[in-house]
Full PDB file with SEQRES, HELIX, SHEET, SSBOND, CRYST1, ORIGX, SCALE, CONECT and MASTER records, all heavy atoms in Angstrom:
SEQRES   1 A   35  LEU ASP GLN VAL PRO GLN SER GLN LEU GLU LYS LEU HIS          
SEQRES   2 A   35  VAL ILE LEU ARG ASP HIS MET GLN GLY TYR THR MET GLU          
SEQRES   3 A   35  HIS SER LEU ALA SER PHE ARG LEU ASP                          
HELIX    1 AA1 GLN A    6  MET A   20  1                                  15    
HELIX    2 AA2 MET A   25  ALA A   30  1                                   6    
CRYST1    1.000    1.000    1.000  90.00  90.00  90.00 P 1           1          
ORIGX1      1.000000  0.000000  0.000000        0.00000                         
ORIGX2      0.000000  1.000000  0.000000        0.00000                         
ORIGX3      0.000000  0.000000  1.000000        0.00000                         
SCALE1      1.000000  0.000000  0.000000        0.00000                         
SCALE2      0.000000  1.000000  0.000000        0.00000                         
SCALE3      0.000000  0.000000  1.000000        0.00000                         
ATOM      1  N   LEU A   1      60.512  89.247  24.680  1.00  0.00           N  
ATOM      2  CA  LEU A   1      60.583  88.522  23.393  1.00  0.00           C  
ATOM      3  C   LEU A   1      62.061  88.125  23.026  1.00  0.00           C  
ATOM      4  O   LEU A   1      62.321  87.697  21.938  1.00  0.00           O  
ATOM      5  CB  LEU A   1      60.030  89.433  22.380  1.00  0.00           C  
ATOM      6  CG  LEU A   1      58.470  89.746  22.527  1.00  0.00           C  
ATOM      7  CD1 LEU A   1      58.084  90.686  21.436  1.00  0.00           C  
ATOM      8  CD2 LEU A   1      57.731  88.507  22.459  1.00  0.00           C  
ATOM      9  N   ASP A   2      63.037  88.367  23.945  1.00  0.00           N  
ATOM     10  CA  ASP A   2      64.345  88.044  23.648  1.00  0.00           C  
ATOM     11  C   ASP A   2      64.636  86.581  23.256  1.00  0.00           C  
ATOM     12  O   ASP A   2      65.393  86.417  22.364  1.00  0.00           O  
ATOM     13  CB  ASP A   2      65.223  88.414  24.899  1.00  0.00           C  
ATOM     14  CG  ASP A   2      66.710  88.284  24.682  1.00  0.00           C  
ATOM     15  OD1 ASP A   2      67.068  88.707  23.533  1.00  0.00           O  
ATOM     16  OD2 ASP A   2      67.417  87.680  25.407  1.00  0.00           O  
ATOM     17  N   GLN A   3      63.835  85.638  23.814  1.00  0.00           N  
ATOM     18  CA  GLN A   3      64.118  84.280  23.585  1.00  0.00           C  
ATOM     19  C   GLN A   3      63.120  83.713  22.424  1.00  0.00           C  
ATOM     20  O   GLN A   3      63.208  82.536  22.108  1.00  0.00           O  
ATOM     21  CB  GLN A   3      63.960  83.448  24.876  1.00  0.00           C  
ATOM     22  CG  GLN A   3      64.988  83.705  25.935  1.00  0.00           C  
ATOM     23  CD  GLN A   3      66.377  83.618  25.485  1.00  0.00           C  
ATOM     24  OE1 GLN A   3      66.712  82.559  24.920  1.00  0.00           O  
ATOM     25  NE2 GLN A   3      67.249  84.519  25.786  1.00  0.00           N  
ATOM     26  N   VAL A   4      62.345  84.523  22.028  1.00  0.00           N  
ATOM     27  CA  VAL A   4      61.355  84.166  20.936  1.00  0.00           C  
ATOM     28  C   VAL A   4      62.065  84.374  19.571  1.00  0.00           C  
ATOM     29  O   VAL A   4      62.534  85.412  19.238  1.00  0.00           O  
ATOM     30  CB  VAL A   4      60.038  84.971  20.993  1.00  0.00           C  
ATOM     31  CG1 VAL A   4      59.058  84.548  19.908  1.00  0.00           C  
ATOM     32  CG2 VAL A   4      59.414  84.834  22.339  1.00  0.00           C  
ATOM     33  N   PRO A   5      62.086  83.207  18.789  1.00  0.00           N  
ATOM     34  CA  PRO A   5      62.642  83.407  17.393  1.00  0.00           C  
ATOM     35  C   PRO A   5      61.931  84.322  16.518  1.00  0.00           C  
ATOM     36  O   PRO A   5      60.688  84.536  16.554  1.00  0.00           O  
ATOM     37  CB  PRO A   5      62.548  81.888  16.858  1.00  0.00           C  
ATOM     38  CG  PRO A   5      62.173  81.022  18.002  1.00  0.00           C  
ATOM     39  CD  PRO A   5      61.519  81.858  19.076  1.00  0.00           C  
ATOM     40  N   GLN A   6      62.665  84.992  15.744  1.00  0.00           N  
ATOM     41  CA  GLN A   6      62.139  85.997  14.879  1.00  0.00           C  
ATOM     42  C   GLN A   6      61.131  85.450  13.901  1.00  0.00           C  
ATOM     43  O   GLN A   6      60.155  86.015  13.645  1.00  0.00           O  
ATOM     44  CB  GLN A   6      63.346  86.665  14.012  1.00  0.00           C  
ATOM     45  CG  GLN A   6      62.935  87.673  12.917  1.00  0.00           C  
ATOM     46  CD  GLN A   6      62.765  88.979  13.495  1.00  0.00           C  
ATOM     47  OE1 GLN A   6      63.187  89.288  14.614  1.00  0.00           O  
ATOM     48  NE2 GLN A   6      62.163  89.843  12.704  1.00  0.00           N  
ATOM     49  N   SER A   7      61.427  84.278  13.422  1.00  0.00           N  
ATOM     50  CA  SER A   7      60.473  83.533  12.571  1.00  0.00           C  
ATOM     51  C   SER A   7      59.128  83.351  13.166  1.00  0.00           C  
ATOM     52  O   SER A   7      58.058  83.319  12.565  1.00  0.00           O  
ATOM     53  CB  SER A   7      61.055  82.239  11.996  1.00  0.00           C  
ATOM     54  OG  SER A   7      61.323  81.358  13.088  1.00  0.00           O  
ATOM     55  N   GLN A   8      59.083  83.026  14.516  1.00  0.00           N  
ATOM     56  CA  GLN A   8      57.799  82.811  15.145  1.00  0.00           C  
ATOM     57  C   GLN A   8      57.017  84.090  15.246  1.00  0.00           C  
ATOM     58  O   GLN A   8      55.771  84.148  15.160  1.00  0.00           O  
ATOM     59  CB  GLN A   8      58.064  82.207  16.553  1.00  0.00           C  
ATOM     60  CG  GLN A   8      56.903  81.745  17.301  1.00  0.00           C  
ATOM     61  CD  GLN A   8      57.172  81.016  18.605  1.00  0.00           C  
ATOM     62  OE1 GLN A   8      58.349  80.815  18.942  1.00  0.00           O  
ATOM     63  NE2 GLN A   8      56.154  80.705  19.284  1.00  0.00           N  
ATOM     64  N   LEU A   9      57.769  85.163  15.578  1.00  0.00           N  
ATOM     65  CA  LEU A   9      57.032  86.506  15.562  1.00  0.00           C  
ATOM     66  C   LEU A   9      56.496  86.901  14.157  1.00  0.00           C  
ATOM     67  O   LEU A   9      55.363  87.454  14.015  1.00  0.00           O  
ATOM     68  CB  LEU A   9      58.039  87.603  16.118  1.00  0.00           C  
ATOM     69  CG  LEU A   9      58.411  87.398  17.595  1.00  0.00           C  
ATOM     70  CD1 LEU A   9      59.478  88.538  17.867  1.00  0.00           C  
ATOM     71  CD2 LEU A   9      57.108  87.603  18.406  1.00  0.00           C  
ATOM     72  N   GLU A  10      57.301  86.600  13.106  1.00  0.00           N  
ATOM     73  CA  GLU A  10      56.753  86.913  11.747  1.00  0.00           C  
ATOM     74  C   GLU A  10      55.504  86.057  11.537  1.00  0.00           C  
ATOM     75  O   GLU A  10      54.553  86.511  10.943  1.00  0.00           O  
ATOM     76  CB  GLU A  10      57.796  86.463  10.797  1.00  0.00           C  
ATOM     77  CG  GLU A  10      59.033  87.500  10.788  1.00  0.00           C  
ATOM     78  CD  GLU A  10      60.150  87.054   9.846  1.00  0.00           C  
ATOM     79  OE1 GLU A  10      59.860  86.289   8.906  1.00  0.00           O  
ATOM     80  OE2 GLU A  10      61.225  87.504  10.039  1.00  0.00           O  
ATOM     81  N   LYS A  11      55.471  84.793  11.924  1.00  0.00           N  
ATOM     82  CA  LYS A  11      54.296  83.916  11.645  1.00  0.00           C  
ATOM     83  C   LYS A  11      53.140  84.483  12.395  1.00  0.00           C  
ATOM     84  O   LYS A  11      52.014  84.594  11.895  1.00  0.00           O  
ATOM     85  CB  LYS A  11      54.674  82.584  12.175  1.00  0.00           C  
ATOM     86  CG  LYS A  11      53.634  81.485  11.711  1.00  0.00           C  
ATOM     87  CD  LYS A  11      54.170  80.064  12.141  1.00  0.00           C  
ATOM     88  CE  LYS A  11      53.313  78.958  11.511  1.00  0.00           C  
ATOM     89  NZ  LYS A  11      53.742  77.670  11.925  1.00  0.00           N  
ATOM     90  N   LEU A  12      53.298  84.916  13.654  1.00  0.00           N  
ATOM     91  CA  LEU A  12      52.257  85.494  14.438  1.00  0.00           C  
ATOM     92  C   LEU A  12      51.719  86.733  13.828  1.00  0.00           C  
ATOM     93  O   LEU A  12      50.531  86.958  13.754  1.00  0.00           O  
ATOM     94  CB  LEU A  12      52.703  85.809  15.921  1.00  0.00           C  
ATOM     95  CG  LEU A  12      51.778  86.491  16.757  1.00  0.00           C  
ATOM     96  CD1 LEU A  12      50.588  85.558  17.078  1.00  0.00           C  
ATOM     97  CD2 LEU A  12      52.489  86.923  18.102  1.00  0.00           C  
ATOM     98  N   HIS A  13      52.601  87.579  13.344  1.00  0.00           N  
ATOM     99  CA  HIS A  13      52.107  88.847  12.616  1.00  0.00           C  
ATOM    100  C   HIS A  13      51.302  88.521  11.335  1.00  0.00           C  
ATOM    101  O   HIS A  13      50.310  89.118  11.128  1.00  0.00           O  
ATOM    102  CB  HIS A  13      53.384  89.649  12.240  1.00  0.00           C  
ATOM    103  CG  HIS A  13      53.073  91.002  11.791  1.00  0.00           C  
ATOM    104  ND1 HIS A  13      52.779  91.191  10.468  1.00  0.00           N  
ATOM    105  CD2 HIS A  13      52.798  92.164  12.410  1.00  0.00           C  
ATOM    106  CE1 HIS A  13      52.489  92.440  10.312  1.00  0.00           C  
ATOM    107  NE2 HIS A  13      52.478  93.044  11.387  1.00  0.00           N  
ATOM    108  N   VAL A  14      51.741  87.463  10.568  1.00  0.00           N  
ATOM    109  CA  VAL A  14      50.996  87.151   9.441  1.00  0.00           C  
ATOM    110  C   VAL A  14      49.558  86.702   9.773  1.00  0.00           C  
ATOM    111  O   VAL A  14      48.619  87.028   9.213  1.00  0.00           O  
ATOM    112  CB  VAL A  14      51.708  86.060   8.561  1.00  0.00           C  
ATOM    113  CG1 VAL A  14      50.850  85.483   7.488  1.00  0.00           C  
ATOM    114  CG2 VAL A  14      52.985  86.620   8.024  1.00  0.00           C  
ATOM    115  N   ILE A  15      49.594  85.773  10.772  1.00  0.00           N  
ATOM    116  CA  ILE A  15      48.138  85.274  11.293  1.00  0.00           C  
ATOM    117  C   ILE A  15      47.321  86.371  11.728  1.00  0.00           C  
ATOM    118  O   ILE A  15      46.130  86.442  11.414  1.00  0.00           O  
ATOM    119  CB  ILE A  15      48.432  84.183  12.370  1.00  0.00           C  
ATOM    120  CG1 ILE A  15      49.105  82.992  11.747  1.00  0.00           C  
ATOM    121  CG2 ILE A  15      47.121  83.777  12.979  1.00  0.00           C  
ATOM    122  CD1 ILE A  15      49.506  81.955  12.704  1.00  0.00           C  
ATOM    123  N   LEU A  16      47.845  87.320  12.593  1.00  0.00           N  
ATOM    124  CA  LEU A  16      47.114  88.496  12.999  1.00  0.00           C  
ATOM    125  C   LEU A  16      46.666  89.390  11.933  1.00  0.00           C  
ATOM    126  O   LEU A  16      45.528  89.725  11.849  1.00  0.00           O  
ATOM    127  CB  LEU A  16      47.856  89.179  14.055  1.00  0.00           C  
ATOM    128  CG  LEU A  16      48.031  88.546  15.458  1.00  0.00           C  
ATOM    129  CD1 LEU A  16      49.001  89.373  16.254  1.00  0.00           C  
ATOM    130  CD2 LEU A  16      46.834  88.323  16.142  1.00  0.00           C  
ATOM    131  N   ARG A  17      47.506  89.542  10.981  1.00  0.00           N  
ATOM    132  CA  ARG A  17      47.113  90.469   9.789  1.00  0.00           C  
ATOM    133  C   ARG A  17      45.957  89.877   8.994  1.00  0.00           C  
ATOM    134  O   ARG A  17      45.069  90.471   8.671  1.00  0.00           O  
ATOM    135  CB  ARG A  17      48.414  90.702   9.008  1.00  0.00           C  
ATOM    136  CG  ARG A  17      48.140  91.655   7.868  1.00  0.00           C  
ATOM    137  CD  ARG A  17      49.136  91.722   6.815  1.00  0.00           C  
ATOM    138  NE  ARG A  17      49.225  90.321   6.262  1.00  0.00           N  
ATOM    139  CZ  ARG A  17      50.285  89.840   5.501  1.00  0.00           C  
ATOM    140  NH1 ARG A  17      51.309  90.633   5.363  1.00  0.00           N  
ATOM    141  NH2 ARG A  17      50.235  88.603   4.902  1.00  0.00           N  
ATOM    142  N   ASP A  18      46.201  88.539   8.760  1.00  0.00           N  
ATOM    143  CA  ASP A  18      45.133  87.840   7.955  1.00  0.00           C  
ATOM    144  C   ASP A  18      43.871  87.868   8.745  1.00  0.00           C  
ATOM    145  O   ASP A  18      42.809  88.019   8.161  1.00  0.00           O  
ATOM    146  CB  ASP A  18      45.632  86.404   7.688  1.00  0.00           C  
ATOM    147  CG  ASP A  18      46.694  86.359   6.642  1.00  0.00           C  
ATOM    148  OD1 ASP A  18      46.987  87.312   5.990  1.00  0.00           O  
ATOM    149  OD2 ASP A  18      47.162  85.203   6.409  1.00  0.00           O  
ATOM    150  N   HIS A  19      43.892  87.590  10.048  1.00  0.00           N  
ATOM    151  CA  HIS A  19      42.615  87.644  10.873  1.00  0.00           C  
ATOM    152  C   HIS A  19      41.936  89.014  10.662  1.00  0.00           C  
ATOM    153  O   HIS A  19      40.669  89.131  10.525  1.00  0.00           O  
ATOM    154  CB  HIS A  19      42.980  87.397  12.253  1.00  0.00           C  
ATOM    155  CG  HIS A  19      41.705  87.434  13.185  1.00  0.00           C  
ATOM    156  ND1 HIS A  19      40.700  86.550  13.086  1.00  0.00           N  
ATOM    157  CD2 HIS A  19      41.398  88.412  14.140  1.00  0.00           C  
ATOM    158  CE1 HIS A  19      39.869  86.860  14.021  1.00  0.00           C  
ATOM    159  NE2 HIS A  19      40.184  87.961  14.646  1.00  0.00           N  
ATOM    160  N   MET A  20      42.759  90.144  10.773  1.00  0.00           N  
ATOM    161  CA  MET A  20      42.149  91.386  10.667  1.00  0.00           C  
ATOM    162  C   MET A  20      41.514  91.650   9.232  1.00  0.00           C  
ATOM    163  O   MET A  20      40.671  92.515   9.033  1.00  0.00           O  
ATOM    164  CB  MET A  20      43.173  92.465  10.959  1.00  0.00           C  
ATOM    165  CG  MET A  20      43.536  92.490  12.478  1.00  0.00           C  
ATOM    166  SD  MET A  20      44.864  93.601  12.814  1.00  0.00           S  
ATOM    167  CE  MET A  20      44.100  95.168  12.418  1.00  0.00           C  
ATOM    168  N   GLN A  21      42.019  90.948   8.227  1.00  0.00           N  
ATOM    169  CA  GLN A  21      41.494  91.087   6.868  1.00  0.00           C  
ATOM    170  C   GLN A  21      40.376  90.072   6.580  1.00  0.00           C  
ATOM    171  O   GLN A  21      39.891  89.951   5.494  1.00  0.00           O  
ATOM    172  CB  GLN A  21      42.612  90.818   5.872  1.00  0.00           C  
ATOM    173  CG  GLN A  21      43.675  92.031   5.983  1.00  0.00           C  
ATOM    174  CD  GLN A  21      44.850  91.713   5.007  1.00  0.00           C  
ATOM    175  OE1 GLN A  21      44.954  90.697   4.422  1.00  0.00           O  
ATOM    176  NE2 GLN A  21      45.689  92.753   4.854  1.00  0.00           N  
ATOM    177  N   GLY A  22      39.953  89.304   7.671  1.00  0.00           N  
ATOM    178  CA  GLY A  22      38.865  88.435   7.562  1.00  0.00           C  
ATOM    179  C   GLY A  22      39.166  87.014   7.124  1.00  0.00           C  
ATOM    180  O   GLY A  22      38.185  86.224   6.788  1.00  0.00           O  
ATOM    181  N   TYR A  23      40.380  86.622   7.003  1.00  0.00           N  
ATOM    182  CA  TYR A  23      40.865  85.199   6.668  1.00  0.00           C  
ATOM    183  C   TYR A  23      40.728  84.349   7.821  1.00  0.00           C  
ATOM    184  O   TYR A  23      40.881  84.646   8.918  1.00  0.00           O  
ATOM    185  CB  TYR A  23      42.226  85.207   6.078  1.00  0.00           C  
ATOM    186  CG  TYR A  23      42.316  85.981   4.784  1.00  0.00           C  
ATOM    187  CD1 TYR A  23      43.097  87.209   4.717  1.00  0.00           C  
ATOM    188  CD2 TYR A  23      41.746  85.490   3.608  1.00  0.00           C  
ATOM    189  CE1 TYR A  23      43.186  87.809   3.473  1.00  0.00           C  
ATOM    190  CE2 TYR A  23      41.851  86.205   2.339  1.00  0.00           C  
ATOM    191  CZ  TYR A  23      42.541  87.278   2.423  1.00  0.00           C  
ATOM    192  OH  TYR A  23      42.708  87.919   1.173  1.00  0.00           O  
ATOM    193  N   THR A  24      40.576  83.096   7.620  1.00  0.00           N  
ATOM    194  CA  THR A  24      40.481  82.111   8.655  1.00  0.00           C  
ATOM    195  C   THR A  24      41.858  81.625   9.086  1.00  0.00           C  
ATOM    196  O   THR A  24      42.880  81.919   8.317  1.00  0.00           O  
ATOM    197  CB  THR A  24      39.706  80.780   8.200  1.00  0.00           C  
ATOM    198  OG1 THR A  24      40.444  80.184   7.074  1.00  0.00           O  
ATOM    199  CG2 THR A  24      38.342  81.137   7.718  1.00  0.00           C  
ATOM    200  N   MET A  25      42.005  80.935  10.163  1.00  0.00           N  
ATOM    201  CA  MET A  25      43.211  80.471  10.626  1.00  0.00           C  
ATOM    202  C   MET A  25      43.805  79.449   9.683  1.00  0.00           C  
ATOM    203  O   MET A  25      45.056  79.433   9.471  1.00  0.00           O  
ATOM    204  CB  MET A  25      43.106  79.960  12.071  1.00  0.00           C  
ATOM    205  CG  MET A  25      44.268  79.146  12.573  1.00  0.00           C  
ATOM    206  SD  MET A  25      45.584  80.431  13.151  1.00  0.00           S  
ATOM    207  CE  MET A  25      44.934  80.752  14.741  1.00  0.00           C  
ATOM    208  N   GLU A  26      42.956  78.593   9.120  1.00  0.00           N  
ATOM    209  CA  GLU A  26      43.438  77.650   8.171  1.00  0.00           C  
ATOM    210  C   GLU A  26      43.969  78.230   6.883  1.00  0.00           C  
ATOM    211  O   GLU A  26      45.031  77.807   6.443  1.00  0.00           O  
ATOM    212  CB  GLU A  26      42.159  76.683   7.683  1.00  0.00           C  
ATOM    213  CG  GLU A  26      41.700  75.837   8.719  1.00  0.00           C  
ATOM    214  CD  GLU A  26      40.762  76.466   9.739  1.00  0.00           C  
ATOM    215  OE1 GLU A  26      40.244  77.563   9.468  1.00  0.00           O  
ATOM    216  OE2 GLU A  26      40.754  75.953  10.898  1.00  0.00           O  
ATOM    217  N   HIS A  27      43.403  79.373   6.455  1.00  0.00           N  
ATOM    218  CA  HIS A  27      43.989  80.012   5.280  1.00  0.00           C  
ATOM    219  C   HIS A  27      45.386  80.676   5.675  1.00  0.00           C  
ATOM    220  O   HIS A  27      46.320  80.492   4.838  1.00  0.00           O  
ATOM    221  CB  HIS A  27      43.049  81.271   4.943  1.00  0.00           C  
ATOM    222  CG  HIS A  27      43.679  82.063   3.863  1.00  0.00           C  
ATOM    223  ND1 HIS A  27      44.425  83.232   4.131  1.00  0.00           N  
ATOM    224  CD2 HIS A  27      43.564  82.042   2.493  1.00  0.00           C  
ATOM    225  CE1 HIS A  27      44.782  83.690   3.001  1.00  0.00           C  
ATOM    226  NE2 HIS A  27      44.294  83.075   2.009  1.00  0.00           N  
ATOM    227  N   SER A  28      45.475  81.236   6.839  1.00  0.00           N  
ATOM    228  CA  SER A  28      46.830  81.728   7.187  1.00  0.00           C  
ATOM    229  C   SER A  28      47.969  80.674   7.398  1.00  0.00           C  
ATOM    230  O   SER A  28      49.009  80.783   6.839  1.00  0.00           O  
ATOM    231  CB  SER A  28      46.733  82.417   8.585  1.00  0.00           C  
ATOM    232  OG  SER A  28      45.786  83.460   8.482  1.00  0.00           O  
ATOM    233  N   LEU A  29      47.502  79.539   8.051  1.00  0.00           N  
ATOM    234  CA  LEU A  29      48.449  78.432   8.128  1.00  0.00           C  
ATOM    235  C   LEU A  29      48.868  77.754   6.809  1.00  0.00           C  
ATOM    236  O   LEU A  29      49.957  77.273   6.634  1.00  0.00           O  
ATOM    237  CB  LEU A  29      47.891  77.392   9.164  1.00  0.00           C  
ATOM    238  CG  LEU A  29      47.759  77.940  10.577  1.00  0.00           C  
ATOM    239  CD1 LEU A  29      47.151  76.816  11.433  1.00  0.00           C  
ATOM    240  CD2 LEU A  29      49.150  78.325  11.193  1.00  0.00           C  
ATOM    241  N   ALA A  30      47.937  77.746   5.876  1.00  0.00           N  
ATOM    242  CA  ALA A  30      48.160  77.121   4.562  1.00  0.00           C  
ATOM    243  C   ALA A  30      49.301  77.898   3.825  1.00  0.00           C  
ATOM    244  O   ALA A  30      50.020  77.463   3.099  1.00  0.00           O  
ATOM    245  CB  ALA A  30      46.907  77.078   3.787  1.00  0.00           C  
ATOM    246  N   SER A  31      49.291  79.232   4.188  1.00  0.00           N  
ATOM    247  CA  SER A  31      50.395  80.019   3.455  1.00  0.00           C  
ATOM    248  C   SER A  31      51.775  79.649   3.946  1.00  0.00           C  
ATOM    249  O   SER A  31      52.766  80.042   3.332  1.00  0.00           O  
ATOM    250  CB  SER A  31      50.112  81.560   3.701  1.00  0.00           C  
ATOM    251  OG  SER A  31      50.392  81.925   5.033  1.00  0.00           O  
ATOM    252  N   PHE A  32      51.841  78.956   5.031  1.00  0.00           N  
ATOM    253  CA  PHE A  32      53.206  78.626   5.487  1.00  0.00           C  
ATOM    254  C   PHE A  32      53.702  77.223   5.031  1.00  0.00           C  
ATOM    255  O   PHE A  32      54.782  76.811   5.277  1.00  0.00           O  
ATOM    256  CB  PHE A  32      53.220  78.586   7.035  1.00  0.00           C  
ATOM    257  CG  PHE A  32      52.988  79.969   7.622  1.00  0.00           C  
ATOM    258  CD1 PHE A  32      51.846  80.342   8.143  1.00  0.00           C  
ATOM    259  CD2 PHE A  32      54.111  80.774   7.680  1.00  0.00           C  
ATOM    260  CE1 PHE A  32      51.725  81.646   8.772  1.00  0.00           C  
ATOM    261  CE2 PHE A  32      53.951  82.091   8.205  1.00  0.00           C  
ATOM    262  CZ  PHE A  32      52.710  82.496   8.697  1.00  0.00           C  
ATOM    263  N   ARG A  33      52.760  76.436   4.410  1.00  0.00           N  
ATOM    264  CA  ARG A  33      53.088  75.114   3.829  1.00  0.00           C  
ATOM    265  C   ARG A  33      53.742  75.348   2.516  1.00  0.00           C  
ATOM    266  O   ARG A  33      53.373  76.129   1.725  1.00  0.00           O  
ATOM    267  CB  ARG A  33      51.857  74.354   3.766  1.00  0.00           C  
ATOM    268  CG  ARG A  33      51.237  73.896   5.122  1.00  0.00           C  
ATOM    269  CD  ARG A  33      50.191  72.922   4.961  1.00  0.00           C  
ATOM    270  NE  ARG A  33      49.365  72.915   6.244  1.00  0.00           N  
ATOM    271  CZ  ARG A  33      48.220  73.572   6.256  1.00  0.00           C  
ATOM    272  NH1 ARG A  33      47.697  74.125   5.242  1.00  0.00           N  
ATOM    273  NH2 ARG A  33      47.571  73.539   7.504  1.00  0.00           N  
ATOM    274  N   LEU A  34      54.685  74.448   2.231  1.00  0.00           N  
ATOM    275  CA  LEU A  34      55.351  74.477   0.952  1.00  0.00           C  
ATOM    276  C   LEU A  34      54.604  73.554  -0.008  1.00  0.00           C  
ATOM    277  O   LEU A  34      54.482  72.334   0.308  1.00  0.00           O  
ATOM    278  CB  LEU A  34      56.824  73.995   1.065  1.00  0.00           C  
ATOM    279  CG  LEU A  34      57.708  75.103   1.653  1.00  0.00           C  
ATOM    280  CD1 LEU A  34      59.121  74.352   1.900  1.00  0.00           C  
ATOM    281  CD2 LEU A  34      57.731  76.303   0.964  1.00  0.00           C  
ATOM    282  N   ASP A  35      54.142  74.030  -1.154  1.00  0.00           N  
ATOM    283  CA  ASP A  35      53.475  73.111  -2.151  1.00  0.00           C  
ATOM    284  C   ASP A  35      54.415  73.085  -3.275  1.00  0.00           C  
ATOM    285  O   ASP A  35      54.615  74.084  -3.985  1.00  0.00           O  
ATOM    286  CB  ASP A  35      52.145  73.816  -2.488  1.00  0.00           C  
ATOM    287  CG  ASP A  35      51.387  72.930  -3.474  1.00  0.00           C  
ATOM    288  OD1 ASP A  35      51.758  71.960  -3.845  1.00  0.00           O  
ATOM    289  OD2 ASP A  35      50.345  73.573  -3.965  1.00  0.00           O  
TER     290      ASP A  35                                                      
MASTER        0    0    0    2    0    0    0    6  289    1    0    3          
END                                                                             
């Protein structure tokens, strides 16, 4: 993981955490968009 950006790992962690809580991928990705 040396060459993987920290922000990408954080995003992956959020998606996995949301998945474990029953949220869809669309829900997780929407949390990364700026409204």
